[in-house]
Amino acid sequence: MAVDALTIEFNTAMQEIYRRAKVEAGYNATVFLRMLQDRGPIETARYLIHTNTPSAGFTALWEKKRLDLTVEAHVLQPRFDPLFTDDERDICRERLANYGYLVSP
């Protein structure tokens, strides 16, 4: 799959995170939606990955037991490997593990 098509697919997945968090977890991620509009999907993901502490959205989804709806969980989907570095995926894996959500290496 070409990177451009993969970027479009990742954008769709990020929009879906917003929708599913609202519908399935009762979490209205308006700041996340604004970030997607301002930064785009990949830069939003990179920004959130490289913060020293988890975002408010990550914490809210953890409280609702829905870490599957986090950017970090989506970055780790094998189909998105070409979009992110090994270091970025390691950060995601570690952050999720620290909150009890284990993903395969």
N, C-alpha and C. Protein backbone atom coordinates (compact mmCIF):
# COMPACT_ATOMS: atom_id res chain seq x y z
N MET A 1 0.85 -1.18 0.00
CA MET A 1 0.00 0.00 0.00
C MET A 1 0.89 1.24 0.00
N ALA A 2 0.60 2.18 -0.84
CA ALA A 2 1.38 3.41 -0.91
C ALA A 2 1.20 4.21 0.37
N VAL A 3 2.24 4.96 0.71
CA VAL A 3 2.20 5.74 1.95
C VAL A 3 1.05 6.74 1.92
N ASP A 4 0.79 7.37 0.76
CA ASP A 4 -0.31 8.33 0.69
C ASP A 4 -1.65 7.66 1.02
N ALA A 5 -1.88 6.48 0.46
CA ALA A 5 -3.11 5.75 0.76
C ALA A 5 -3.14 5.35 2.23
N LEU A 6 -1.98 5.00 2.77
CA LEU A 6 -1.89 4.62 4.17
C LEU A 6 -2.17 5.82 5.08
N THR A 7 -1.70 6.98 4.67
CA THR A 7 -1.97 8.21 5.42
C THR A 7 -3.47 8.49 5.45
N ILE A 8 -4.12 8.31 4.32
CA ILE A 8 -5.58 8.49 4.25
C ILE A 8 -6.28 7.49 5.16
N GLU A 9 -5.81 6.25 5.14
CA GLU A 9 -6.39 5.21 6.00
C GLU A 9 -6.19 5.56 7.48
N PHE A 10 -5.01 6.08 7.82
CA PHE A 10 -4.74 6.47 9.20
C PHE A 10 -5.64 7.63 9.60
N ASN A 11 -5.84 8.58 8.70
CA ASN A 11 -6.74 9.70 8.98
C ASN A 11 -8.15 9.19 9.28
N THR A 12 -8.60 8.25 8.48
CA THR A 12 -9.92 7.66 8.71
C THR A 12 -9.98 6.99 10.07
N ALA A 13 -8.92 6.28 10.43
CA ALA A 13 -8.87 5.61 11.74
C ALA A 13 -8.91 6.62 12.88
N MET A 14 -8.23 7.76 12.71
CA MET A 14 -8.23 8.78 13.76
C MET A 14 -9.61 9.42 13.91
N GLN A 15 -10.29 9.64 12.80
CA GLN A 15 -11.66 10.16 12.86
C GLN A 15 -12.58 9.15 13.55
N GLU A 16 -12.32 7.88 13.28
CA GLU A 16 -13.11 6.81 13.88
C GLU A 16 -12.88 6.74 15.39
N ILE A 17 -11.65 7.01 15.84
CA ILE A 17 -11.38 7.07 17.28
C ILE A 17 -12.31 8.09 17.92
N TYR A 18 -12.38 9.27 17.32
CA TYR A 18 -13.24 10.33 17.87
C TYR A 18 -14.68 9.85 17.95
N ARG A 19 -15.18 9.30 16.84
CA ARG A 19 -16.58 8.86 16.79
C ARG A 19 -16.86 7.75 17.79
N ARG A 20 -16.00 6.75 17.81
CA ARG A 20 -16.22 5.60 18.71
C ARG A 20 -16.09 5.99 20.17
N ALA A 21 -15.16 6.87 20.49
CA ALA A 21 -15.00 7.31 21.88
C ALA A 21 -16.28 7.99 22.35
N LYS A 22 -16.86 8.78 21.47
CA LYS A 22 -18.10 9.49 21.82
C LYS A 22 -19.27 8.52 21.97
N VAL A 23 -19.43 7.63 21.00
CA VAL A 23 -20.58 6.72 20.98
C VAL A 23 -20.43 5.58 21.99
N GLU A 24 -19.26 4.95 22.01
CA GLU A 24 -19.08 3.74 22.80
C GLU A 24 -18.63 4.00 24.23
N ALA A 25 -17.90 5.09 24.44
CA ALA A 25 -17.34 5.34 25.78
C ALA A 25 -17.91 6.61 26.42
N GLY A 26 -18.75 7.32 25.70
CA GLY A 26 -19.32 8.55 26.26
C GLY A 26 -18.28 9.64 26.47
N TYR A 27 -17.21 9.61 25.68
CA TYR A 27 -16.15 10.61 25.82
C TYR A 27 -16.11 11.47 24.57
N ASN A 28 -16.34 12.76 24.74
CA ASN A 28 -16.35 13.70 23.63
C ASN A 28 -14.97 14.34 23.52
N ALA A 29 -14.16 13.85 22.62
CA ALA A 29 -12.76 14.25 22.49
C ALA A 29 -12.61 15.48 21.60
N THR A 30 -13.17 16.60 22.01
CA THR A 30 -13.16 17.80 21.17
C THR A 30 -11.74 18.35 20.96
N VAL A 31 -10.88 18.27 21.97
CA VAL A 31 -9.50 18.75 21.81
C VAL A 31 -8.78 17.89 20.77
N PHE A 32 -8.98 16.59 20.82
CA PHE A 32 -8.38 15.67 19.85
C PHE A 32 -8.87 16.00 18.44
N LEU A 33 -10.15 16.23 18.28
CA LEU A 33 -10.71 16.56 16.98
C LEU A 33 -10.10 17.86 16.45
N ARG A 34 -9.94 18.85 17.30
CA ARG A 34 -9.32 20.11 16.90
C ARG A 34 -7.86 19.89 16.49
N MET A 35 -7.16 19.04 17.24
CA MET A 35 -5.78 18.73 16.89
C MET A 35 -5.70 18.07 15.52
N LEU A 36 -6.60 17.16 15.24
CA LEU A 36 -6.61 16.52 13.92
C LEU A 36 -6.80 17.54 12.82
N GLN A 37 -7.67 18.50 13.05
CA GLN A 37 -7.94 19.53 12.05
C GLN A 37 -6.74 20.47 11.88
N ASP A 38 -6.09 20.80 12.99
CA ASP A 38 -4.98 21.76 12.96
C ASP A 38 -3.67 21.14 12.50
N ARG A 39 -3.37 19.93 12.98
CA ARG A 39 -2.06 19.31 12.74
C ARG A 39 -2.08 18.21 11.69
N GLY A 40 -3.24 17.63 11.47
CA GLY A 40 -3.33 16.45 10.63
C GLY A 40 -3.14 15.20 11.47
N PRO A 41 -3.48 14.04 10.95
CA PRO A 41 -3.50 12.82 11.76
C PRO A 41 -2.12 12.34 12.22
N ILE A 42 -1.15 12.35 11.34
CA ILE A 42 0.16 11.80 11.71
C ILE A 42 0.87 12.73 12.70
N GLU A 43 0.84 14.03 12.44
CA GLU A 43 1.49 14.96 13.37
C GLU A 43 0.78 14.99 14.72
N THR A 44 -0.53 14.82 14.73
CA THR A 44 -1.27 14.73 16.00
C THR A 44 -0.80 13.50 16.76
N ALA A 45 -0.71 12.38 16.08
CA ALA A 45 -0.25 11.15 16.73
C ALA A 45 1.16 11.33 17.27
N ARG A 46 2.05 11.88 16.47
CA ARG A 46 3.44 12.08 16.93
C ARG A 46 3.50 13.02 18.13
N TYR A 47 2.72 14.07 18.09
CA TYR A 47 2.68 15.01 19.22
C TYR A 47 2.25 14.28 20.50
N LEU A 48 1.17 13.51 20.40
CA LEU A 48 0.65 12.80 21.58
C LEU A 48 1.61 11.72 22.05
N ILE A 49 2.27 11.06 21.13
CA ILE A 49 3.24 10.02 21.50
C ILE A 49 4.40 10.62 22.29
N HIS A 50 4.87 11.78 21.86
CA HIS A 50 6.09 12.36 22.43
C HIS A 50 5.85 13.25 23.64
N THR A 51 4.64 13.29 24.18
CA THR A 51 4.43 14.02 25.42
C THR A 51 5.00 13.20 26.58
N ASN A 52 5.44 13.89 27.60
CA ASN A 52 6.03 13.20 28.76
C ASN A 52 5.00 12.43 29.57
N THR A 53 3.78 12.90 29.55
CA THR A 53 2.71 12.23 30.29
C THR A 53 1.55 11.96 29.32
N PRO A 54 0.76 10.96 29.61
CA PRO A 54 -0.38 10.67 28.74
C PRO A 54 -1.33 11.86 28.66
N SER A 55 -1.98 12.00 27.53
CA SER A 55 -2.94 13.09 27.34
C SER A 55 -4.16 12.89 28.22
N ALA A 56 -4.94 13.95 28.35
CA ALA A 56 -6.20 13.86 29.10
C ALA A 56 -7.13 12.84 28.46
N GLY A 57 -7.10 12.78 27.13
CA GLY A 57 -7.94 11.81 26.42
C GLY A 57 -7.52 10.37 26.72
N PHE A 58 -6.22 10.13 26.74
CA PHE A 58 -5.71 8.80 27.08
C PHE A 58 -6.19 8.41 28.47
N THR A 59 -6.04 9.33 29.42
CA THR A 59 -6.45 9.07 30.80
C THR A 59 -7.95 8.82 30.90
N ALA A 60 -8.72 9.63 30.18
CA ALA A 60 -10.19 9.45 30.21
C ALA A 60 -10.57 8.09 29.63
N LEU A 61 -9.92 7.68 28.56
CA LEU A 61 -10.23 6.37 27.97
C LEU A 61 -9.76 5.24 28.88
N TRP A 62 -8.66 5.44 29.58
CA TRP A 62 -8.20 4.44 30.56
C TRP A 62 -9.24 4.29 31.66
N GLU A 63 -9.75 5.41 32.16
CA GLU A 63 -10.76 5.37 33.21
C GLU A 63 -12.01 4.63 32.75
N LYS A 64 -12.31 4.71 31.46
CA LYS A 64 -13.48 4.05 30.90
C LYS A 64 -13.16 2.64 30.38
N LYS A 65 -11.91 2.20 30.67
CA LYS A 65 -11.46 0.87 30.25
C LYS A 65 -11.54 0.70 28.73
N ARG A 66 -11.14 1.74 28.00
CA ARG A 66 -11.18 1.72 26.54
C ARG A 66 -9.86 2.18 25.92
N LEU A 67 -8.76 1.66 26.43
CA LEU A 67 -7.47 2.01 25.85
C LEU A 67 -7.34 1.55 24.40
N ASP A 68 -8.22 0.66 23.97
CA ASP A 68 -8.24 0.24 22.57
C ASP A 68 -8.59 1.41 21.64
N LEU A 69 -9.15 2.47 22.20
CA LEU A 69 -9.53 3.63 21.40
C LEU A 69 -8.49 4.75 21.43
N THR A 70 -7.32 4.48 21.97
CA THR A 70 -6.28 5.51 22.04
C THR A 70 -5.48 5.57 20.74
N VAL A 71 -4.88 6.71 20.53
CA VAL A 71 -3.97 6.88 19.40
C VAL A 71 -2.85 5.85 19.51
N GLU A 72 -2.33 5.65 20.72
CA GLU A 72 -1.23 4.72 20.93
C GLU A 72 -1.59 3.31 20.45
N ALA A 73 -2.78 2.86 20.76
CA ALA A 73 -3.20 1.52 20.33
C ALA A 73 -3.31 1.45 18.80
N HIS A 74 -3.75 2.53 18.19
CA HIS A 74 -3.89 2.53 16.74
C HIS A 74 -2.53 2.59 16.04
N VAL A 75 -1.60 3.35 16.59
CA VAL A 75 -0.26 3.43 16.01
C VAL A 75 0.37 2.04 15.97
N LEU A 76 0.04 1.20 16.94
CA LEU A 76 0.64 -0.14 17.02
C LEU A 76 -0.01 -1.15 16.08
N GLN A 77 -1.05 -0.80 15.38
CA GLN A 77 -1.63 -1.72 14.41
C GLN A 77 -0.61 -1.93 13.29
N PRO A 78 -0.29 -3.18 12.99
CA PRO A 78 0.75 -3.47 12.00
C PRO A 78 0.58 -2.75 10.67
N ARG A 79 -0.63 -2.51 10.26
CA ARG A 79 -0.85 -1.85 8.97
C ARG A 79 -0.29 -0.43 8.95
N PHE A 80 -0.11 0.18 10.15
CA PHE A 80 0.41 1.55 10.19
C PHE A 80 1.90 1.62 10.47
N ASP A 81 2.58 0.48 10.51
CA ASP A 81 4.03 0.45 10.78
C ASP A 81 4.83 1.43 9.91
N PRO A 82 4.57 1.53 8.61
CA PRO A 82 5.39 2.42 7.78
C PRO A 82 5.29 3.91 8.16
N LEU A 83 4.27 4.28 8.90
CA LEU A 83 4.06 5.69 9.23
C LEU A 83 4.84 6.15 10.46
N PHE A 84 5.32 5.20 11.28
CA PHE A 84 5.93 5.55 12.55
C PHE A 84 7.24 4.80 12.74
N THR A 85 8.11 5.38 13.55
CA THR A 85 9.41 4.76 13.81
C THR A 85 9.27 3.66 14.86
N ASP A 86 10.31 2.84 14.94
CA ASP A 86 10.35 1.82 15.99
C ASP A 86 10.29 2.48 17.37
N ASP A 87 11.00 3.59 17.53
CA ASP A 87 10.99 4.30 18.82
C ASP A 87 9.60 4.79 19.18
N GLU A 88 8.89 5.31 18.20
CA GLU A 88 7.52 5.79 18.46
C GLU A 88 6.61 4.63 18.86
N ARG A 89 6.76 3.50 18.18
CA ARG A 89 5.95 2.34 18.54
C ARG A 89 6.32 1.82 19.93
N ASP A 90 7.61 1.87 20.27
CA ASP A 90 8.05 1.45 21.61
C ASP A 90 7.44 2.34 22.69
N ILE A 91 7.40 3.64 22.45
CA ILE A 91 6.79 4.57 23.41
C ILE A 91 5.31 4.20 23.61
N CYS A 92 4.62 3.94 22.52
CA CYS A 92 3.19 3.57 22.60
C CYS A 92 3.02 2.28 23.39
N ARG A 93 3.84 1.30 23.06
CA ARG A 93 3.75 -0.01 23.72
C ARG A 93 3.98 0.14 25.23
N GLU A 94 5.01 0.91 25.59
CA GLU A 94 5.33 1.10 27.01
C GLU A 94 4.22 1.87 27.74
N ARG A 95 3.71 2.93 27.11
CA ARG A 95 2.65 3.71 27.75
C ARG A 95 1.42 2.84 27.99
N LEU A 96 1.03 2.09 27.00
CA LEU A 96 -0.14 1.22 27.16
C LEU A 96 0.12 0.16 28.23
N ALA A 97 1.31 -0.43 28.24
CA ALA A 97 1.64 -1.45 29.24
C ALA A 97 1.61 -0.86 30.64
N ASN A 98 2.07 0.39 30.79
CA ASN A 98 2.05 1.04 32.11
C ASN A 98 0.63 1.21 32.64
N TYR A 99 -0.34 1.18 31.75
CA TYR A 99 -1.74 1.31 32.16
C TYR A 99 -2.49 -0.01 32.06
N GLY A 100 -1.74 -1.10 31.92
CA GLY A 100 -2.35 -2.43 31.98
C GLY A 100 -2.89 -2.95 30.66
N TYR A 101 -2.56 -2.30 29.57
CA TYR A 101 -3.04 -2.74 28.25
C TYR A 101 -1.85 -3.29 27.50
N LEU A 102 -1.79 -4.58 27.37
CA LEU A 102 -0.64 -5.23 26.76
C LEU A 102 -0.90 -5.51 25.29
N VAL A 103 0.11 -5.20 24.49
CA VAL A 103 0.05 -5.51 23.06
C VAL A 103 1.29 -6.32 22.72
N SER A 104 1.18 -7.12 21.69
CA SER A 104 2.33 -7.96 21.32
C SER A 104 3.43 -7.08 20.73
N PRO A 105 4.67 -7.48 20.92
CA PRO A 105 5.80 -6.66 20.43
C PRO A 105 5.87 -6.59 18.92
